[in-house]
N, C-alpha and C. Protein backbone atom coordinates (compact mmCIF):
# COMPACT_ATOMS: atom_id res chain seq x y z
N UNK A 1 3.64 -25.07 -11.32
CA UNK A 1 2.90 -23.85 -10.78
C UNK A 1 1.45 -23.83 -11.41
N UNK A 2 0.56 -23.43 -10.42
CA UNK A 2 -0.79 -23.53 -10.77
C UNK A 2 -1.29 -22.07 -10.93
N UNK A 3 -2.42 -21.94 -11.61
CA UNK A 3 -2.95 -20.62 -11.91
C UNK A 3 -4.21 -20.43 -10.98
N UNK A 4 -4.31 -19.20 -10.51
CA UNK A 4 -5.42 -18.92 -9.57
C UNK A 4 -6.14 -17.61 -10.10
N UNK A 5 -7.37 -17.46 -9.68
CA UNK A 5 -8.14 -16.35 -10.05
C UNK A 5 -8.01 -15.28 -8.97
N UNK A 6 -8.35 -14.03 -9.30
CA UNK A 6 -8.23 -12.97 -8.34
C UNK A 6 -9.22 -13.21 -7.23
N UNK A 7 -10.26 -13.96 -7.43
CA UNK A 7 -11.22 -14.30 -6.34
C UNK A 7 -10.53 -15.17 -5.27
N UNK A 8 -9.43 -15.80 -5.57
CA UNK A 8 -8.62 -16.74 -4.64
C UNK A 8 -7.59 -15.92 -3.97
N UNK A 9 -7.45 -14.60 -4.12
CA UNK A 9 -6.42 -13.79 -3.39
C UNK A 9 -6.60 -13.85 -1.88
N UNK A 10 -5.54 -14.02 -1.23
CA UNK A 10 -5.43 -14.00 0.23
C UNK A 10 -4.14 -13.35 0.64
N UNK A 11 -4.22 -12.76 1.79
CA UNK A 11 -3.05 -12.13 2.24
C UNK A 11 -1.96 -13.22 2.61
N UNK A 12 -0.75 -12.98 2.09
CA UNK A 12 0.35 -13.97 2.33
C UNK A 12 0.58 -14.90 1.16
N UNK A 13 -0.25 -14.99 0.24
CA UNK A 13 -0.01 -15.97 -0.88
C UNK A 13 1.06 -15.31 -1.78
N UNK A 14 1.70 -16.14 -2.62
CA UNK A 14 2.73 -15.76 -3.54
C UNK A 14 2.32 -15.94 -4.98
N UNK A 15 2.52 -14.94 -5.74
CA UNK A 15 2.10 -15.08 -7.19
C UNK A 15 3.27 -14.51 -8.11
N UNK A 16 3.25 -14.96 -9.34
CA UNK A 16 4.33 -14.51 -10.29
C UNK A 16 3.65 -13.29 -10.92
N UNK A 17 4.36 -12.19 -10.79
CA UNK A 17 3.84 -10.97 -11.27
C UNK A 17 5.02 -10.25 -12.19
N UNK A 18 4.75 -10.06 -13.48
CA UNK A 18 5.73 -9.51 -14.32
C UNK A 18 7.05 -10.37 -14.22
N UNK A 19 6.97 -11.67 -14.30
CA UNK A 19 8.05 -12.65 -14.31
C UNK A 19 8.95 -12.56 -12.99
N UNK A 20 8.33 -12.05 -11.90
CA UNK A 20 9.07 -12.10 -10.57
C UNK A 20 8.11 -12.53 -9.60
N UNK A 21 8.60 -13.21 -8.50
CA UNK A 21 7.73 -13.72 -7.38
C UNK A 21 7.45 -12.54 -6.47
N UNK A 22 6.21 -12.46 -6.07
CA UNK A 22 5.70 -11.38 -5.18
C UNK A 22 4.78 -12.02 -4.14
N UNK A 23 4.69 -11.40 -2.95
CA UNK A 23 3.81 -11.81 -1.95
C UNK A 23 2.66 -10.79 -1.80
N UNK A 24 1.40 -11.29 -1.64
CA UNK A 24 0.33 -10.39 -1.48
C UNK A 24 0.27 -9.90 -0.08
N UNK A 25 0.48 -8.55 0.15
CA UNK A 25 0.54 -7.97 1.46
C UNK A 25 -0.87 -7.69 1.93
N UNK A 26 -1.70 -7.07 1.02
CA UNK A 26 -3.11 -6.76 1.28
C UNK A 26 -3.81 -6.60 -0.02
N UNK A 27 -5.11 -6.73 0.01
CA UNK A 27 -6.06 -6.57 -1.17
C UNK A 27 -7.37 -6.03 -0.82
N UNK A 28 -7.98 -5.31 -1.70
CA UNK A 28 -9.32 -4.84 -1.49
C UNK A 28 -10.15 -5.00 -2.79
N UNK A 29 -11.29 -5.60 -2.60
CA UNK A 29 -12.15 -5.77 -3.72
C UNK A 29 -13.08 -4.61 -3.84
N UNK A 30 -13.34 -4.13 -5.05
CA UNK A 30 -14.14 -3.00 -5.28
C UNK A 30 -15.02 -3.20 -6.45
N UNK A 31 -16.36 -2.97 -6.34
CA UNK A 31 -17.27 -3.15 -7.38
C UNK A 31 -18.07 -1.87 -7.60
N UNK A 32 -17.56 -1.05 -8.53
CA UNK A 32 -18.20 0.27 -8.77
C UNK A 32 -19.59 0.10 -9.40
N UNK A 33 -20.46 1.10 -9.29
CA UNK A 33 -21.72 1.09 -9.91
C UNK A 33 -21.63 0.81 -11.41
N UNK A 34 -20.67 1.57 -12.08
CA UNK A 34 -20.64 1.31 -13.53
C UNK A 34 -19.19 0.65 -13.74
N UNK A 35 -19.04 -0.06 -14.77
CA UNK A 35 -17.77 -0.68 -15.04
C UNK A 35 -17.67 -2.04 -14.39
N UNK A 36 -16.50 -2.65 -14.67
CA UNK A 36 -16.23 -3.98 -14.04
C UNK A 36 -15.55 -3.88 -12.61
N UNK A 37 -15.72 -4.92 -11.83
CA UNK A 37 -15.11 -5.03 -10.56
C UNK A 37 -13.61 -5.21 -10.76
N UNK A 38 -12.90 -4.92 -9.58
CA UNK A 38 -11.47 -5.02 -9.62
C UNK A 38 -10.86 -5.25 -8.28
N UNK A 39 -9.62 -5.63 -8.22
CA UNK A 39 -8.94 -5.90 -6.88
C UNK A 39 -7.74 -4.90 -6.84
N UNK A 40 -7.68 -4.13 -5.77
CA UNK A 40 -6.46 -3.22 -5.63
C UNK A 40 -5.62 -4.04 -4.65
N UNK A 41 -4.39 -4.31 -5.19
CA UNK A 41 -3.52 -5.32 -4.42
C UNK A 41 -2.15 -4.57 -4.07
N UNK A 42 -1.70 -4.84 -2.80
CA UNK A 42 -0.32 -4.29 -2.48
C UNK A 42 0.60 -5.68 -2.58
N UNK A 43 1.59 -5.55 -3.34
CA UNK A 43 2.54 -6.71 -3.44
C UNK A 43 3.92 -6.37 -3.00
N UNK A 44 4.62 -7.34 -2.30
CA UNK A 44 6.00 -7.25 -1.95
C UNK A 44 6.73 -8.15 -2.73
N UNK A 45 7.90 -7.51 -3.34
CA UNK A 45 8.76 -8.26 -4.21
C UNK A 45 9.66 -9.19 -3.24
N UNK A 46 9.83 -10.38 -3.75
CA UNK A 46 10.68 -11.26 -2.81
C UNK A 46 12.12 -11.00 -3.00
N UNK A 47 12.45 -10.27 -4.14
CA UNK A 47 13.93 -10.08 -4.34
C UNK A 47 14.35 -8.71 -3.73
N UNK A 48 13.48 -7.76 -3.92
CA UNK A 48 13.94 -6.33 -3.49
C UNK A 48 13.28 -5.98 -2.22
N UNK A 49 12.24 -6.68 -1.75
CA UNK A 49 11.49 -6.34 -0.61
C UNK A 49 10.57 -5.04 -0.75
N UNK A 50 10.55 -4.37 -1.98
CA UNK A 50 9.75 -3.21 -2.22
C UNK A 50 8.40 -3.61 -2.34
N UNK A 51 7.47 -2.64 -1.89
CA UNK A 51 6.05 -2.92 -1.96
C UNK A 51 5.44 -2.06 -3.11
N UNK A 52 4.61 -2.60 -3.97
CA UNK A 52 4.09 -1.84 -5.05
C UNK A 52 2.54 -2.12 -5.01
N UNK A 53 1.81 -1.22 -5.64
CA UNK A 53 0.33 -1.51 -5.71
C UNK A 53 0.04 -1.69 -7.22
N UNK A 54 -0.95 -2.62 -7.40
CA UNK A 54 -1.39 -2.90 -8.78
C UNK A 54 -2.89 -3.24 -8.69
N UNK A 55 -3.49 -2.98 -9.75
CA UNK A 55 -4.96 -3.16 -9.86
C UNK A 55 -5.31 -4.25 -10.83
N UNK A 56 -5.90 -5.39 -10.39
CA UNK A 56 -6.17 -6.50 -11.22
C UNK A 56 -7.68 -6.47 -11.54
N UNK A 57 -8.12 -6.88 -12.72
CA UNK A 57 -9.52 -7.01 -13.11
C UNK A 57 -10.14 -8.12 -12.40
N UNK A 58 -11.36 -8.07 -11.94
CA UNK A 58 -11.97 -9.21 -11.40
C UNK A 58 -12.01 -10.47 -12.39
N UNK A 59 -11.68 -11.62 -11.83
CA UNK A 59 -11.69 -12.79 -12.71
C UNK A 59 -10.33 -13.08 -13.40
N UNK A 60 -9.44 -12.08 -13.31
CA UNK A 60 -8.12 -12.23 -14.01
C UNK A 60 -7.27 -13.40 -13.36
N UNK A 61 -6.55 -14.10 -14.23
CA UNK A 61 -5.81 -15.27 -13.71
C UNK A 61 -4.31 -14.80 -13.53
N UNK A 62 -3.78 -15.34 -12.50
CA UNK A 62 -2.23 -15.18 -12.26
C UNK A 62 -1.70 -16.58 -11.85
N UNK A 63 -0.41 -16.61 -11.98
CA UNK A 63 0.32 -17.86 -11.60
C UNK A 63 0.75 -17.86 -10.13
N UNK A 64 0.39 -18.90 -9.42
CA UNK A 64 0.78 -18.97 -8.02
C UNK A 64 2.22 -19.62 -7.98
N UNK A 65 2.99 -19.03 -7.07
CA UNK A 65 4.37 -19.49 -6.97
C UNK A 65 4.56 -20.37 -5.72
N UNK A 66 5.23 -21.49 -5.88
CA UNK A 66 5.38 -22.37 -4.65
C UNK A 66 6.58 -21.87 -3.88
N UNK A 67 6.22 -21.59 -2.54
CA UNK A 67 7.18 -21.22 -1.55
C UNK A 67 7.15 -22.30 -0.49
N UNK A 68 8.32 -22.81 -0.13
CA UNK A 68 8.42 -23.83 0.94
C UNK A 68 8.57 -23.12 2.37
N UNK A 69 7.83 -23.69 3.32
CA UNK A 69 7.95 -23.14 4.64
C UNK A 69 8.58 -24.18 5.60
N UNK A 70 9.58 -23.71 6.39
CA UNK A 70 10.27 -24.53 7.32
C UNK A 70 10.16 -23.99 8.63
N UNK A 71 9.91 -24.78 9.68
CA UNK A 71 9.93 -24.43 11.06
C UNK A 71 11.33 -24.40 11.55
N UNK A 72 11.77 -23.20 11.90
CA UNK A 72 13.16 -23.09 12.47
C UNK A 72 13.18 -22.35 13.75
N UNK A 73 14.31 -22.54 14.48
CA UNK A 73 14.48 -21.95 15.80
C UNK A 73 15.70 -20.85 15.62
N UNK A 74 15.38 -19.68 16.12
CA UNK A 74 16.34 -18.64 16.09
C UNK A 74 17.52 -18.92 17.14
N UNK A 75 18.81 -18.91 16.69
CA UNK A 75 19.89 -19.08 17.53
C UNK A 75 20.56 -17.73 17.89
N UNK A 76 21.10 -16.99 17.01
CA UNK A 76 21.80 -15.77 17.29
C UNK A 76 21.93 -14.93 16.01
N UNK A 77 22.54 -13.71 16.09
CA UNK A 77 22.70 -12.86 14.94
C UNK A 77 23.96 -12.04 15.17
N UNK A 78 24.54 -11.60 13.94
CA UNK A 78 25.56 -10.65 14.01
C UNK A 78 25.16 -9.44 13.19
N UNK A 79 26.01 -8.62 12.76
CA UNK A 79 25.64 -7.37 12.13
C UNK A 79 24.72 -7.58 10.81
N UNK A 80 24.96 -8.70 10.17
CA UNK A 80 24.29 -8.71 8.80
C UNK A 80 23.48 -10.03 8.72
N UNK A 81 23.60 -11.07 9.55
CA UNK A 81 22.81 -12.30 9.25
C UNK A 81 22.35 -12.77 10.60
N UNK A 82 21.15 -13.47 10.51
CA UNK A 82 20.63 -14.17 11.68
C UNK A 82 20.76 -15.66 11.43
N UNK A 83 21.13 -16.39 12.44
CA UNK A 83 21.38 -17.92 12.35
C UNK A 83 20.17 -18.63 12.90
N UNK A 84 19.54 -19.45 12.12
CA UNK A 84 18.43 -20.27 12.51
C UNK A 84 18.84 -21.79 12.42
N UNK A 85 18.18 -22.62 13.16
CA UNK A 85 18.43 -24.09 13.14
C UNK A 85 17.18 -24.89 12.99
N UNK A 86 17.23 -25.92 12.23
CA UNK A 86 16.04 -26.82 12.08
C UNK A 86 16.04 -27.70 13.38
N UNK A 87 15.04 -27.74 14.10
CA UNK A 87 15.08 -28.58 15.37
C UNK A 87 15.26 -30.00 15.19
N UNK A 88 14.95 -30.73 14.10
CA UNK A 88 15.05 -32.11 14.00
C UNK A 88 16.33 -32.57 13.32
N UNK A 89 16.74 -31.84 12.21
CA UNK A 89 17.93 -32.10 11.48
C UNK A 89 19.12 -31.40 12.00
N UNK A 90 19.02 -30.34 12.67
CA UNK A 90 20.08 -29.42 13.27
C UNK A 90 20.85 -28.77 12.10
N UNK A 91 20.19 -28.78 10.89
CA UNK A 91 20.81 -27.97 9.83
C UNK A 91 20.70 -26.47 10.17
N UNK A 92 21.70 -25.70 9.92
CA UNK A 92 21.67 -24.18 10.28
C UNK A 92 21.50 -23.42 8.95
N UNK A 93 20.75 -22.42 9.05
CA UNK A 93 20.52 -21.43 7.99
C UNK A 93 20.92 -20.08 8.25
N UNK A 94 21.66 -19.42 7.51
CA UNK A 94 22.05 -18.00 7.72
C UNK A 94 21.09 -17.19 6.95
N UNK A 95 20.39 -16.27 7.37
CA UNK A 95 19.32 -15.41 6.80
C UNK A 95 19.74 -14.01 6.88
N UNK A 96 19.87 -13.24 5.90
CA UNK A 96 20.24 -11.76 5.97
C UNK A 96 19.10 -11.06 6.82
N UNK A 97 19.60 -10.02 7.62
CA UNK A 97 18.71 -9.40 8.50
C UNK A 97 17.69 -8.53 7.58
N UNK A 98 18.19 -8.22 6.37
CA UNK A 98 17.24 -7.44 5.49
C UNK A 98 16.01 -8.22 5.08
N UNK A 99 16.02 -9.60 5.09
CA UNK A 99 14.90 -10.47 4.84
C UNK A 99 13.84 -10.37 5.97
N UNK A 100 14.38 -10.21 7.21
CA UNK A 100 13.49 -10.14 8.37
C UNK A 100 12.88 -8.75 8.61
N UNK A 101 13.49 -7.74 8.07
CA UNK A 101 12.96 -6.34 8.03
C UNK A 101 12.66 -5.92 9.53
N UNK A 102 11.58 -5.34 9.82
CA UNK A 102 11.18 -4.81 11.17
C UNK A 102 10.99 -5.95 12.16
N UNK A 103 10.81 -7.14 11.60
CA UNK A 103 10.54 -8.26 12.56
C UNK A 103 11.72 -8.59 13.39
N UNK A 104 12.86 -8.14 12.99
CA UNK A 104 14.06 -8.48 13.68
C UNK A 104 14.04 -8.20 15.19
N UNK A 105 13.37 -7.06 15.56
CA UNK A 105 13.37 -6.61 16.92
C UNK A 105 12.62 -7.49 17.86
N UNK A 106 11.84 -8.48 17.34
CA UNK A 106 11.06 -9.31 18.09
C UNK A 106 11.76 -10.74 18.41
N UNK A 107 12.83 -10.90 17.81
CA UNK A 107 13.61 -12.15 17.98
C UNK A 107 14.42 -12.36 19.23
N UNK A 108 14.07 -13.34 19.97
CA UNK A 108 14.97 -13.69 21.06
C UNK A 108 15.46 -15.14 21.01
N UNK A 109 16.53 -15.35 21.42
CA UNK A 109 17.14 -16.77 21.37
C UNK A 109 16.14 -17.85 21.82
N UNK A 110 16.01 -18.83 20.93
CA UNK A 110 15.08 -19.95 21.17
C UNK A 110 13.70 -19.70 20.48
N UNK A 111 13.42 -18.59 19.92
CA UNK A 111 12.08 -18.33 19.28
C UNK A 111 11.92 -19.25 18.03
N UNK A 112 10.78 -19.99 18.00
CA UNK A 112 10.50 -20.80 16.82
C UNK A 112 9.69 -19.85 15.84
N UNK A 113 10.15 -19.97 14.65
CA UNK A 113 9.57 -19.20 13.56
C UNK A 113 9.32 -20.02 12.36
N UNK A 114 8.47 -19.58 11.47
CA UNK A 114 8.18 -20.12 10.18
C UNK A 114 8.92 -19.31 9.18
N UNK A 115 9.83 -19.98 8.49
CA UNK A 115 10.69 -19.18 7.41
C UNK A 115 10.32 -19.74 6.06
N UNK A 116 10.09 -18.76 5.19
CA UNK A 116 9.57 -19.08 3.77
C UNK A 116 10.84 -19.11 2.93
N UNK A 117 11.01 -20.07 2.07
CA UNK A 117 12.09 -20.28 1.05
C UNK A 117 11.54 -20.31 -0.29
N UNK A 118 12.13 -19.52 -1.27
CA UNK A 118 11.75 -19.63 -2.61
C UNK A 118 13.14 -19.90 -3.36
N UNK A 119 13.12 -21.13 -4.09
CA UNK A 119 14.27 -21.57 -4.84
C UNK A 119 15.54 -21.65 -3.95
N UNK A 120 15.38 -22.22 -2.75
CA UNK A 120 16.39 -22.39 -1.73
C UNK A 120 16.86 -21.10 -1.06
N UNK A 121 16.28 -19.96 -1.25
CA UNK A 121 16.69 -18.78 -0.73
C UNK A 121 15.44 -18.27 0.21
N UNK A 122 15.93 -17.81 1.56
CA UNK A 122 14.89 -17.25 2.41
C UNK A 122 14.28 -15.98 1.92
N UNK A 123 12.89 -15.91 1.97
CA UNK A 123 12.34 -14.69 1.40
C UNK A 123 11.35 -14.07 2.35
N UNK A 124 11.04 -14.79 3.51
CA UNK A 124 10.18 -14.21 4.48
C UNK A 124 10.19 -14.92 5.82
N UNK A 125 9.59 -14.36 6.79
CA UNK A 125 9.50 -14.99 8.13
C UNK A 125 8.14 -14.73 8.76
N UNK A 126 7.64 -15.75 9.50
CA UNK A 126 6.42 -15.60 10.25
C UNK A 126 6.75 -15.86 11.72
N UNK A 127 6.56 -14.76 12.56
CA UNK A 127 6.90 -14.91 13.99
C UNK A 127 5.76 -15.39 14.76
N UNK A 128 5.89 -15.81 16.03
CA UNK A 128 4.76 -16.19 16.89
C UNK A 128 3.93 -14.86 16.99
N UNK A 129 2.64 -14.98 17.30
CA UNK A 129 1.81 -13.75 17.45
C UNK A 129 2.10 -12.85 18.55
N UNK A 130 2.88 -13.36 19.57
CA UNK A 130 3.24 -12.51 20.67
C UNK A 130 4.56 -12.96 21.21
N UNK A 131 5.35 -12.05 21.85
CA UNK A 131 6.61 -12.48 22.44
C UNK A 131 6.77 -11.76 23.74
N UNK A 132 7.58 -12.38 24.69
CA UNK A 132 7.73 -11.67 25.98
C UNK A 132 9.15 -11.17 26.04
N UNK A 133 9.28 -9.92 26.25
CA UNK A 133 10.50 -9.15 26.23
C UNK A 133 10.65 -8.42 27.60
N UNK A 134 12.01 -8.12 27.91
CA UNK A 134 12.27 -7.41 29.06
C UNK A 134 12.40 -5.91 28.82
N UNK A 135 11.89 -5.08 29.69
CA UNK A 135 12.05 -3.61 29.50
C UNK A 135 13.37 -3.23 30.04
N UNK A 136 14.18 -2.56 29.17
CA UNK A 136 15.54 -2.12 29.62
C UNK A 136 15.60 -0.58 29.87
N UNK A 137 14.67 0.15 29.25
CA UNK A 137 14.67 1.59 29.44
C UNK A 137 13.24 2.08 29.34
N UNK A 138 12.83 2.90 30.32
CA UNK A 138 11.47 3.56 30.27
C UNK A 138 11.59 4.72 31.36
N UNK A 139 10.69 5.70 31.24
CA UNK A 139 10.58 6.71 32.20
C UNK A 139 10.01 6.15 33.60
N UNK A 140 10.44 6.74 34.77
CA UNK A 140 9.94 6.44 35.92
C UNK A 140 8.44 6.88 36.05
N UNK A 141 7.57 6.24 36.76
CA UNK A 141 6.27 6.77 36.98
C UNK A 141 6.29 7.79 38.04
N UNK A 142 5.52 8.89 37.91
CA UNK A 142 5.50 9.94 38.85
C UNK A 142 4.33 9.64 39.84
N UNK A 143 4.62 9.79 41.13
CA UNK A 143 3.67 9.49 42.20
C UNK A 143 2.45 10.46 42.05
N UNK A 144 1.31 9.86 42.08
CA UNK A 144 0.10 10.70 41.89
C UNK A 144 -0.42 10.77 40.46
N UNK A 145 0.40 10.21 39.57
CA UNK A 145 -0.02 10.35 38.10
C UNK A 145 -0.93 9.03 37.88
N UNK A 146 -2.20 9.12 38.08
CA UNK A 146 -3.04 7.92 37.95
C UNK A 146 -4.11 8.00 36.99
N UNK A 147 -3.89 8.90 35.99
CA UNK A 147 -4.88 9.02 34.94
C UNK A 147 -4.98 7.70 34.21
N UNK A 148 -6.26 7.27 33.92
CA UNK A 148 -6.41 5.91 33.29
C UNK A 148 -6.04 6.05 31.83
N UNK A 149 -5.43 5.02 31.29
CA UNK A 149 -5.08 4.96 29.75
C UNK A 149 -3.81 5.75 29.37
N UNK A 150 -3.16 6.32 30.36
CA UNK A 150 -1.93 7.03 29.93
C UNK A 150 -0.77 6.00 29.70
N UNK A 151 -0.10 6.21 28.62
CA UNK A 151 0.97 5.31 28.26
C UNK A 151 2.26 6.13 28.12
N UNK A 152 3.37 5.29 28.15
CA UNK A 152 4.68 5.82 28.01
C UNK A 152 5.50 4.91 27.16
N UNK A 153 6.62 5.39 26.46
CA UNK A 153 7.39 4.54 25.68
C UNK A 153 8.43 3.69 26.61
N UNK A 154 8.55 2.49 26.09
CA UNK A 154 9.55 1.56 26.69
C UNK A 154 10.44 0.94 25.61
N UNK A 155 11.65 0.67 25.87
CA UNK A 155 12.54 0.00 24.95
C UNK A 155 12.86 -1.30 25.66
N UNK A 156 12.83 -2.41 24.89
CA UNK A 156 13.08 -3.77 25.36
C UNK A 156 14.46 -4.11 25.08
N UNK A 157 14.81 -5.34 25.59
CA UNK A 157 16.19 -5.92 25.48
C UNK A 157 16.62 -6.28 24.00
N UNK A 158 15.61 -6.38 23.08
CA UNK A 158 15.92 -6.57 21.66
C UNK A 158 15.87 -5.31 20.89
N UNK A 159 15.50 -4.16 21.47
CA UNK A 159 15.52 -2.86 20.80
C UNK A 159 14.09 -2.48 20.34
N UNK A 160 13.11 -3.40 20.57
CA UNK A 160 11.74 -2.99 20.16
C UNK A 160 11.21 -1.90 21.09
N UNK A 161 10.47 -1.04 20.42
CA UNK A 161 9.86 0.06 21.23
C UNK A 161 8.21 -0.14 21.30
N UNK A 162 7.72 0.14 22.41
CA UNK A 162 6.28 -0.10 22.62
C UNK A 162 5.73 0.93 23.61
N UNK A 163 4.44 1.28 23.45
CA UNK A 163 3.77 2.17 24.32
C UNK A 163 3.24 1.27 25.55
N UNK A 164 3.65 1.43 26.74
CA UNK A 164 3.27 0.67 27.83
C UNK A 164 2.54 1.51 28.92
N UNK A 165 1.72 0.91 29.76
CA UNK A 165 1.09 1.68 30.87
C UNK A 165 2.25 2.27 31.85
N UNK A 166 1.80 3.25 32.69
CA UNK A 166 2.69 3.97 33.51
C UNK A 166 3.32 3.09 34.62
N UNK A 167 2.56 1.93 35.02
CA UNK A 167 3.10 1.11 36.11
C UNK A 167 4.27 0.15 35.67
N UNK A 168 4.53 0.05 34.39
CA UNK A 168 5.54 -0.77 33.94
C UNK A 168 6.90 -0.04 34.12
N UNK A 169 7.86 -0.79 34.71
CA UNK A 169 9.13 -0.16 35.09
C UNK A 169 10.33 -1.00 34.47
N UNK A 170 11.53 -0.50 34.52
CA UNK A 170 12.72 -1.15 33.96
C UNK A 170 12.87 -2.48 34.72
N UNK A 171 13.16 -3.55 33.94
CA UNK A 171 13.22 -4.84 34.53
C UNK A 171 12.01 -5.79 34.38
N UNK A 172 10.85 -5.11 34.09
CA UNK A 172 9.67 -5.85 33.97
C UNK A 172 9.62 -6.61 32.68
N UNK A 173 8.97 -7.71 32.62
CA UNK A 173 8.74 -8.47 31.41
C UNK A 173 7.46 -8.04 30.83
N UNK A 174 7.33 -7.78 29.54
CA UNK A 174 6.07 -7.47 28.94
C UNK A 174 5.81 -8.34 27.69
N UNK A 175 4.48 -8.50 27.41
CA UNK A 175 4.15 -9.34 26.15
C UNK A 175 3.78 -8.34 25.19
N UNK A 176 4.39 -8.40 23.93
CA UNK A 176 4.27 -7.57 22.83
C UNK A 176 3.59 -8.34 21.61
N UNK A 177 2.65 -7.79 20.99
CA UNK A 177 2.16 -8.28 19.76
C UNK A 177 3.19 -8.11 18.61
N UNK A 178 3.57 -9.19 17.96
CA UNK A 178 4.55 -9.07 16.82
C UNK A 178 3.85 -8.53 15.55
N UNK A 179 2.53 -8.59 15.56
CA UNK A 179 1.82 -8.00 14.35
C UNK A 179 1.61 -6.58 14.40
N UNK A 180 1.38 -6.04 15.57
CA UNK A 180 1.03 -4.60 15.62
C UNK A 180 2.16 -3.80 16.47
N UNK A 181 2.89 -4.54 17.27
CA UNK A 181 3.95 -3.88 18.02
C UNK A 181 3.27 -3.28 19.38
N UNK A 182 2.05 -3.64 19.61
CA UNK A 182 1.39 -3.09 20.83
C UNK A 182 1.68 -3.90 22.08
N UNK A 183 1.67 -3.27 23.22
CA UNK A 183 1.67 -3.87 24.56
C UNK A 183 0.39 -4.70 24.69
N UNK A 184 0.59 -6.05 25.24
CA UNK A 184 -0.67 -6.75 25.51
C UNK A 184 -0.86 -6.94 27.00
N UNK A 185 0.31 -7.27 27.70
CA UNK A 185 0.18 -7.40 29.14
C UNK A 185 1.55 -7.56 29.75
N UNK A 186 1.64 -7.66 31.08
CA UNK A 186 2.85 -7.95 31.73
C UNK A 186 3.13 -9.46 31.55
N UNK A 187 4.42 -9.82 31.49
CA UNK A 187 4.73 -11.28 31.38
C UNK A 187 5.29 -11.80 32.61
């Protein structure tokens, strides 16, 4: 494992903090008029998935943790686990839904994802930036309701909820951002 300085912090890197592996979720550099500069960092525990905040002094050294990333294809899920497959070796991986967190609602059969492993255990997932989902439930548009920018809630075939324009109806395919959960366009 290598040592990195706080100046090398980036969103998504993994560090050893208090003898446990954590992922940097976000960070902010602050240089006050008096005193030394510091980094306010949000860290996600790889074991408990809890997010904590910690302040590091500028120039402080931390140990970087090696996390292996594998390109896997989503196959199916049951109540507790999702099954992924390596496209070249056909090895299958069962990953607890708790590891995926809120990203679970963007998974559709055949989606290619990047799954992070720490000591042979899945600890995170990176989805494609956008997915195309089918609207299964939404309010019907009212004739004459043409105010620009008005949105309504829609529920997709995976259970994801998004605010969509009034013209979107049940059965339409929509493109949703996996990073923000926002409607991008019709698919």
